[in-house]
Amino acid sequence: MAAAIPFITAAAPYIAMGSSALSAFGSIQQGKSQNEMYKLQAQQAKLKASRDALQYEQQANMLFERMIQTNATAAAKGFAGGAQGFSGSTKLIQERNKKVAGRDIQIMNQSSAAAISFGDSQSSIYKAAGKQARSSSYFDAIAKLGTAAYSYGQTASGSVDAVKPVPSNFQTTDYWKGIT
């Protein structure tokens, strides 16, 4: 056992470097995974927006069909009652139906456009978050490798004791009193 201690002491800097390299690689992989997750969420946002827009367009079409049916019914009643189906009070009813339906259809069309715009915005936000996650992972990996290189430089300079552990009774407030 005593013979293994010098070997472990000599190998410690290399083990630490290897561990840091694996941790850096893990950070990069995590950033890539997060980026892919955000890309999928961006696609989902666009698909949901398209579905919502389609629903608004379907509602607008249904309103238009109801308006046509209502106006046809009014014309038929007018003709059946012996009056002109496209003039007088029948025409007033038809014009009013067109006006109300036109307003509602316009609202549905605007809602459809707003849904698409909102989906595009959400998609852009998710894509930006993915790029940020990927970039952050690279910076995290570089920081881990830099810390490992520094630690290796400290320990490889001759003594593993060059990097001393923090004493168990160390208080951070005591440390900062001397600095501030």
C-alpha atoms as a PDB file:
ATOM      1  CA  MET A   1       0.000   0.000   0.000  1.00  0.00           C
ATOM      2  CA  ALA A   2       2.816   2.410   0.856  1.00  0.00           C
ATOM      3  CA  ALA A   3       4.336   1.802  -2.583  1.00  0.00           C
ATOM      4  CA  ALA A   4       1.098   2.894  -4.259  1.00  0.00           C
ATOM      5  CA  ILE A   5       1.074   6.339  -2.621  1.00  0.00           C
ATOM      6  CA  PRO A   6       3.929   7.794  -4.719  1.00  0.00           C
ATOM      7  CA  PHE A   7       2.262   6.449  -7.871  1.00  0.00           C
ATOM      8  CA  ILE A   8      -1.107   7.970  -6.897  1.00  0.00           C
ATOM      9  CA  THR A   9       0.604  11.234  -5.998  1.00  0.00           C
ATOM     10  CA  ALA A  10       2.384  11.314  -9.357  1.00  0.00           C
ATOM     11  CA  ALA A  11      -0.774  10.381 -11.274  1.00  0.00           C
ATOM     12  CA  ALA A  12      -3.088  12.844  -9.482  1.00  0.00           C
ATOM     13  CA  PRO A  13      -2.462  15.792 -11.852  1.00  0.00           C
ATOM     14  CA  TYR A  14      -3.118  13.587 -14.886  1.00  0.00           C
ATOM     15  CA  ILE A  15      -6.245  12.111 -13.357  1.00  0.00           C
ATOM     16  CA  ALA A  16      -7.490  15.616 -12.588  1.00  0.00           C
ATOM     17  CA  MET A  17      -6.764  16.745 -16.163  1.00  0.00           C
ATOM     18  CA  GLY A  18      -8.577  13.718 -17.578  1.00  0.00           C
ATOM     19  CA  SER A  19     -11.534  14.310 -15.309  1.00  0.00           C
ATOM     20  CA  SER A  20     -11.673  17.961 -16.308  1.00  0.00           C
ATOM     21  CA  ALA A  21     -11.467  17.060 -19.989  1.00  0.00           C
ATOM     22  CA  LEU A  22     -14.385  14.645 -19.582  1.00  0.00           C
ATOM     23  CA  SER A  23     -16.332  17.289 -17.705  1.00  0.00           C
ATOM     24  CA  ALA A  24     -15.631  19.834 -20.469  1.00  0.00           C
ATOM     25  CA  PHE A  25     -16.761  17.324 -23.095  1.00  0.00           C
ATOM     26  CA  GLY A  26     -19.912  16.722 -21.034  1.00  0.00           C
ATOM     27  CA  SER A  27     -20.593  20.460 -20.936  1.00  0.00           C
ATOM     28  CA  ILE A  28     -20.346  20.704 -24.708  1.00  0.00           C
ATOM     29  CA  GLN A  29     -22.626  17.689 -25.181  1.00  0.00           C
ATOM     30  CA  GLN A  30     -25.159  19.169 -22.774  1.00  0.00           C
ATOM     31  CA  GLY A  31     -25.124  22.457 -24.692  1.00  0.00           C
ATOM     32  CA  LYS A  32     -25.688  20.609 -27.959  1.00  0.00           C
ATOM     33  CA  SER A  33     -28.583  18.664 -26.428  1.00  0.00           C
ATOM     34  CA  GLN A  34     -30.174  21.836 -25.103  1.00  0.00           C
ATOM     35  CA  ASN A  35     -29.772  23.458 -28.504  1.00  0.00           C
ATOM     36  CA  GLU A  36     -31.550  20.527 -30.162  1.00  0.00           C
ATOM     37  CA  MET A  37     -34.323  20.675 -27.561  1.00  0.00           C
ATOM     38  CA  TYR A  38     -34.839  24.367 -28.265  1.00  0.00           C
ATOM     39  CA  LYS A  39     -34.878  23.708 -32.014  1.00  0.00           C
ATOM     40  CA  LEU A  40     -37.678  21.191 -31.484  1.00  0.00           C
ATOM     41  CA  GLN A  41     -39.586  23.669 -29.337  1.00  0.00           C
ATOM     42  CA  ALA A  42     -39.172  26.268 -32.089  1.00  0.00           C
ATOM     43  CA  GLN A  43     -40.663  23.853 -34.607  1.00  0.00           C
ATOM     44  CA  GLN A  44     -43.508  23.043 -32.217  1.00  0.00           C
ATOM     45  CA  ALA A  45     -44.260  26.745 -31.760  1.00  0.00           C
ATOM     46  CA  LYS A  46     -44.495  27.232 -35.525  1.00  0.00           C
ATOM     47  CA  LEU A  47     -46.691  24.156 -35.961  1.00  0.00           C
ATOM     48  CA  LYS A  48     -49.016  25.267 -33.162  1.00  0.00           C
ATOM     49  CA  ALA A  49     -49.260  28.722 -34.720  1.00  0.00           C
ATOM     50  CA  SER A  50     -50.104  27.190 -38.092  1.00  0.00           C
ATOM     51  CA  ARG A  51     -52.767  25.008 -36.508  1.00  0.00           C
ATOM     52  CA  ASP A  52     -54.263  27.992 -34.648  1.00  0.00           C
ATOM     53  CA  ALA A  53     -54.244  30.083 -37.836  1.00  0.00           C
ATOM     54  CA  LEU A  54     -55.974  27.291 -39.718  1.00  0.00           C
ATOM     55  CA  GLN A  55     -58.655  27.093 -37.024  1.00  0.00           C
ATOM     56  CA  TYR A  56     -59.296  30.843 -37.340  1.00  0.00           C
ATOM     57  CA  GLU A  57     -59.583  30.484 -41.109  1.00  0.00           C
ATOM     58  CA  GLN A  58     -62.023  27.585 -40.698  1.00  0.00           C
ATOM     59  CA  GLN A  59     -64.133  29.687 -38.333  1.00  0.00           C
ATOM     60  CA  ALA A  60     -64.109  32.531 -40.861  1.00  0.00           C
ATOM     61  CA  ASN A  61     -65.243  30.143 -43.601  1.00  0.00           C
ATOM     62  CA  MET A  62     -68.049  28.835 -41.372  1.00  0.00           C
ATOM     63  CA  LEU A  63     -69.173  32.416 -40.666  1.00  0.00           C
ATOM     64  CA  PHE A  64     -69.194  33.130 -44.394  1.00  0.00           C
ATOM     65  CA  GLU A  65     -71.235  29.999 -45.111  1.00  0.00           C
ATOM     66  CA  ARG A  66     -73.762  30.896 -42.378  1.00  0.00           C
ATOM     67  CA  MET A  67     -74.079  34.398 -43.805  1.00  0.00           C
ATOM     68  CA  ILE A  68     -74.788  32.963 -47.263  1.00  0.00           C
ATOM     69  CA  GLN A  69     -77.360  30.539 -45.791  1.00  0.00           C
ATOM     70  CA  THR A  70     -79.054  33.291 -43.768  1.00  0.00           C
ATOM     71  CA  ASN A  71     -79.228  35.607 -46.780  1.00  0.00           C
ATOM     72  CA  ALA A  72     -80.570  32.799 -48.984  1.00  0.00           C
ATOM     73  CA  THR A  73     -83.214  32.040 -46.359  1.00  0.00           C
ATOM     74  CA  ALA A  74     -84.194  35.718 -46.213  1.00  0.00           C
ATOM     75  CA  ALA A  75     -84.459  35.862 -50.023  1.00  0.00           C
ATOM     76  CA  ALA A  76     -86.541  32.685 -50.128  1.00  0.00           C
ATOM     77  CA  LYS A  77     -88.916  34.028 -47.468  1.00  0.00           C
ATOM     78  CA  GLY A  78     -89.192  37.278 -49.384  1.00  0.00           C
ATOM     79  CA  PHE A  79     -90.085  35.520 -52.617  1.00  0.00           C
ATOM     80  CA  ALA A  80     -92.433  33.131 -50.811  1.00  0.00           C
ATOM     81  CA  GLY A  81     -94.247  36.074 -49.243  1.00  0.00           C
ATOM     82  CA  GLY A  82     -94.821  37.630 -52.629  1.00  0.00           C
ATOM     83  CA  ALA A  83     -92.157  40.309 -52.261  1.00  0.00           C
ATOM     84  CA  GLN A  84     -88.865  40.832 -54.031  1.00  0.00           C
ATOM     85  CA  GLY A  85     -86.173  38.654 -52.426  1.00  0.00           C
ATOM     86  CA  PHE A  86     -83.389  41.158 -53.043  1.00  0.00           C
ATOM     87  CA  SER A  87     -85.017  44.486 -52.194  1.00  0.00           C
ATOM     88  CA  GLY A  88     -86.800  46.263 -49.373  1.00  0.00           C
ATOM     89  CA  SER A  89     -86.640  44.858 -45.877  1.00  0.00           C
ATOM     90  CA  THR A  90     -85.181  41.584 -47.181  1.00  0.00           C
ATOM     91  CA  LYS A  91     -82.276  43.506 -48.685  1.00  0.00           C
ATOM     92  CA  LEU A  92     -81.781  45.371 -45.365  1.00  0.00           C
ATOM     93  CA  ILE A  93     -81.533  42.060 -43.520  1.00  0.00           C
ATOM     94  CA  GLN A  94     -79.074  40.720 -46.082  1.00  0.00           C
ATOM     95  CA  GLU A  95     -76.919  43.868 -45.952  1.00  0.00           C
ATOM     96  CA  ARG A  96     -76.849  43.743 -42.160  1.00  0.00           C
ATOM     97  CA  ASN A  97     -75.836  40.066 -42.238  1.00  0.00           C
ATOM     98  CA  LYS A  98     -73.037  40.864 -44.699  1.00  0.00           C
ATOM     99  CA  LYS A  99     -71.775  43.709 -42.527  1.00  0.00           C
ATOM    100  CA  VAL A 100     -71.744  41.662 -39.309  1.00  0.00           C
ATOM    101  CA  ALA A 101     -70.244  38.601 -41.005  1.00  0.00           C
ATOM    102  CA  GLY A 102     -67.651  40.741 -42.780  1.00  0.00           C
ATOM    103  CA  ARG A 103     -66.542  42.286 -39.479  1.00  0.00           C
ATOM    104  CA  ASP A 104     -66.315  38.889 -37.794  1.00  0.00           C
ATOM    105  CA  ILE A 105     -64.451  37.362 -40.740  1.00  0.00           C
ATOM    106  CA  GLN A 106     -61.993  40.261 -40.688  1.00  0.00           C
ATOM    107  CA  ILE A 107     -61.379  39.635 -36.972  1.00  0.00           C
ATOM    108  CA  MET A 108     -60.785  35.941 -37.677  1.00  0.00           C
ATOM    109  CA  ASN A 109     -58.325  36.787 -40.471  1.00  0.00           C
ATOM    110  CA  GLN A 110     -56.456  39.192 -38.177  1.00  0.00           C
ATOM    111  CA  SER A 111     -56.375  36.532 -35.461  1.00  0.00           C
ATOM    112  CA  SER A 112     -54.966  34.063 -37.965  1.00  0.00           C
ATOM    113  CA  ALA A 113     -52.189  36.490 -38.928  1.00  0.00           C
ATOM    114  CA  ALA A 114     -51.501  37.232 -35.253  1.00  0.00           C
ATOM    115  CA  ALA A 115     -51.196  33.521 -34.488  1.00  0.00           C
ATOM    116  CA  ILE A 116     -48.603  33.097 -37.240  1.00  0.00           C
ATOM    117  CA  SER A 117     -46.694  36.161 -36.040  1.00  0.00           C
ATOM    118  CA  PHE A 118     -46.748  34.925 -32.445  1.00  0.00           C
ATOM    119  CA  GLY A 119     -45.501  31.498 -33.547  1.00  0.00           C
ATOM    120  CA  ASP A 120     -42.654  33.097 -35.482  1.00  0.00           C
ATOM    121  CA  SER A 121     -41.704  35.173 -32.430  1.00  0.00           C
ATOM    122  CA  GLN A 122     -41.780  32.148 -30.131  1.00  0.00           C
ATOM    123  CA  SER A 123     -39.728  30.171 -32.614  1.00  0.00           C
ATOM    124  CA  SER A 124     -37.102  32.934 -32.768  1.00  0.00           C
ATOM    125  CA  ILE A 125     -36.909  33.047 -28.976  1.00  0.00           C
ATOM    126  CA  TYR A 126     -36.366  29.284 -28.773  1.00  0.00           C
ATOM    127  CA  LYS A 127     -33.716  29.374 -31.493  1.00  0.00           C
ATOM    128  CA  ALA A 128     -31.860  32.188 -29.696  1.00  0.00           C
ATOM    129  CA  ALA A 129     -32.031  30.259 -26.420  1.00  0.00           C
ATOM    130  CA  GLY A 130     -30.584  27.217 -28.169  1.00  0.00           C
ATOM    131  CA  LYS A 131     -27.692  29.205 -29.598  1.00  0.00           C
ATOM    132  CA  GLN A 132     -27.056  30.725 -26.162  1.00  0.00           C
ATOM    133  CA  ALA A 133     -27.063  27.284 -24.520  1.00  0.00           C
ATOM    134  CA  ARG A 134     -24.583  25.990 -27.096  1.00  0.00           C
ATOM    135  CA  SER A 135     -22.300  29.030 -26.699  1.00  0.00           C
ATOM    136  CA  SER A 136     -22.455  28.851 -22.913  1.00  0.00           C
ATOM    137  CA  SER A 137     -21.468  25.205 -23.001  1.00  0.00           C
ATOM    138  CA  TYR A 138     -18.314  26.068 -24.943  1.00  0.00           C
ATOM    139  CA  PHE A 139     -17.404  28.813 -22.493  1.00  0.00           C
ATOM    140  CA  ASP A 140     -18.043  26.427 -19.589  1.00  0.00           C
ATOM    141  CA  ALA A 141     -15.829  23.802 -21.212  1.00  0.00           C
ATOM    142  CA  ILE A 142     -13.043  26.329 -21.802  1.00  0.00           C
ATOM    143  CA  ALA A 143     -13.280  27.481 -18.186  1.00  0.00           C
ATOM    144  CA  LYS A 144     -13.063  23.886 -16.931  1.00  0.00           C
ATOM    145  CA  LEU A 145     -10.040  23.184 -19.118  1.00  0.00           C
ATOM    146  CA  GLY A 146      -8.402  26.434 -18.031  1.00  0.00           C
ATOM    147  CA  THR A 147      -8.929  25.609 -14.368  1.00  0.00           C
ATOM    148  CA  ALA A 148      -7.539  22.136 -14.955  1.00  0.00           C
ATOM    149  CA  ALA A 149      -4.497  23.522 -16.736  1.00  0.00           C
ATOM    150  CA  TYR A 150      -3.865  25.959 -13.916  1.00  0.00           C
ATOM    151  CA  SER A 151      -4.208  23.207 -11.312  1.00  0.00           C
ATOM    152  CA  TYR A 152      -1.941  20.975 -13.347  1.00  0.00           C
ATOM    153  CA  GLY A 153       0.637  23.756 -13.541  1.00  0.00           C
ATOM    154  CA  GLN A 154       0.471  24.196  -9.801  1.00  0.00           C
ATOM    155  CA  THR A 155       0.767  20.497  -8.995  1.00  0.00           C
ATOM    156  CA  ALA A 156       3.242  19.613 -11.736  1.00  0.00           C
ATOM    157  CA  SER A 157       5.662  22.259 -10.500  1.00  0.00           C
ATOM    158  CA  GLY A 158       7.023  19.776  -8.037  1.00  0.00           C
ATOM    159  CA  SER A 159       4.659  19.238  -5.195  1.00  0.00           C
ATOM    160  CA  VAL A 160       1.098  18.118  -4.887  1.00  0.00           C
ATOM    161  CA  ASP A 161       1.004  20.278  -1.769  1.00  0.00           C
ATOM    162  CA  ALA A 162       1.255  23.392  -3.964  1.00  0.00           C
ATOM    163  CA  VAL A 163      -2.546  23.459  -4.070  1.00  0.00           C
ATOM    164  CA  LYS A 164      -3.609  23.310  -0.473  1.00  0.00           C
ATOM    165  CA  PRO A 165      -7.111  22.356   0.600  1.00  0.00           C
ATOM    166  CA  VAL A 166      -9.220  24.931   2.387  1.00  0.00           C
ATOM    167  CA  PRO A 167      -9.011  24.390   6.175  1.00  0.00           C
ATOM    168  CA  SER A 168     -12.223  23.061   7.706  1.00  0.00           C
ATOM    169  CA  ASN A 169     -12.402  26.000  10.125  1.00  0.00           C
ATOM    170  CA  PHE A 170     -12.031  28.586   7.348  1.00  0.00           C
ATOM    171  CA  GLN A 171     -14.666  31.347   7.411  1.00  0.00           C
ATOM    172  CA  THR A 172     -15.189  33.373   4.251  1.00  0.00           C
ATOM    173  CA  THR A 173     -16.133  36.399   6.322  1.00  0.00           C
ATOM    174  CA  ASP A 174     -12.708  36.283   7.998  1.00  0.00           C
ATOM    175  CA  TYR A 175     -11.038  36.188   4.602  1.00  0.00           C
ATOM    176  CA  TRP A 176     -12.928  39.216   3.279  1.00  0.00           C
ATOM    177  CA  LYS A 177     -12.251  41.290   6.409  1.00  0.00           C
ATOM    178  CA  GLY A 178      -8.620  41.575   5.472  1.00  0.00           C
ATOM    179  CA  ILE A 179      -9.389  42.575   1.870  1.00  0.00           C
ATOM    180  CA  THR A 180     -12.098  45.187   2.234  1.00  0.00           C
END
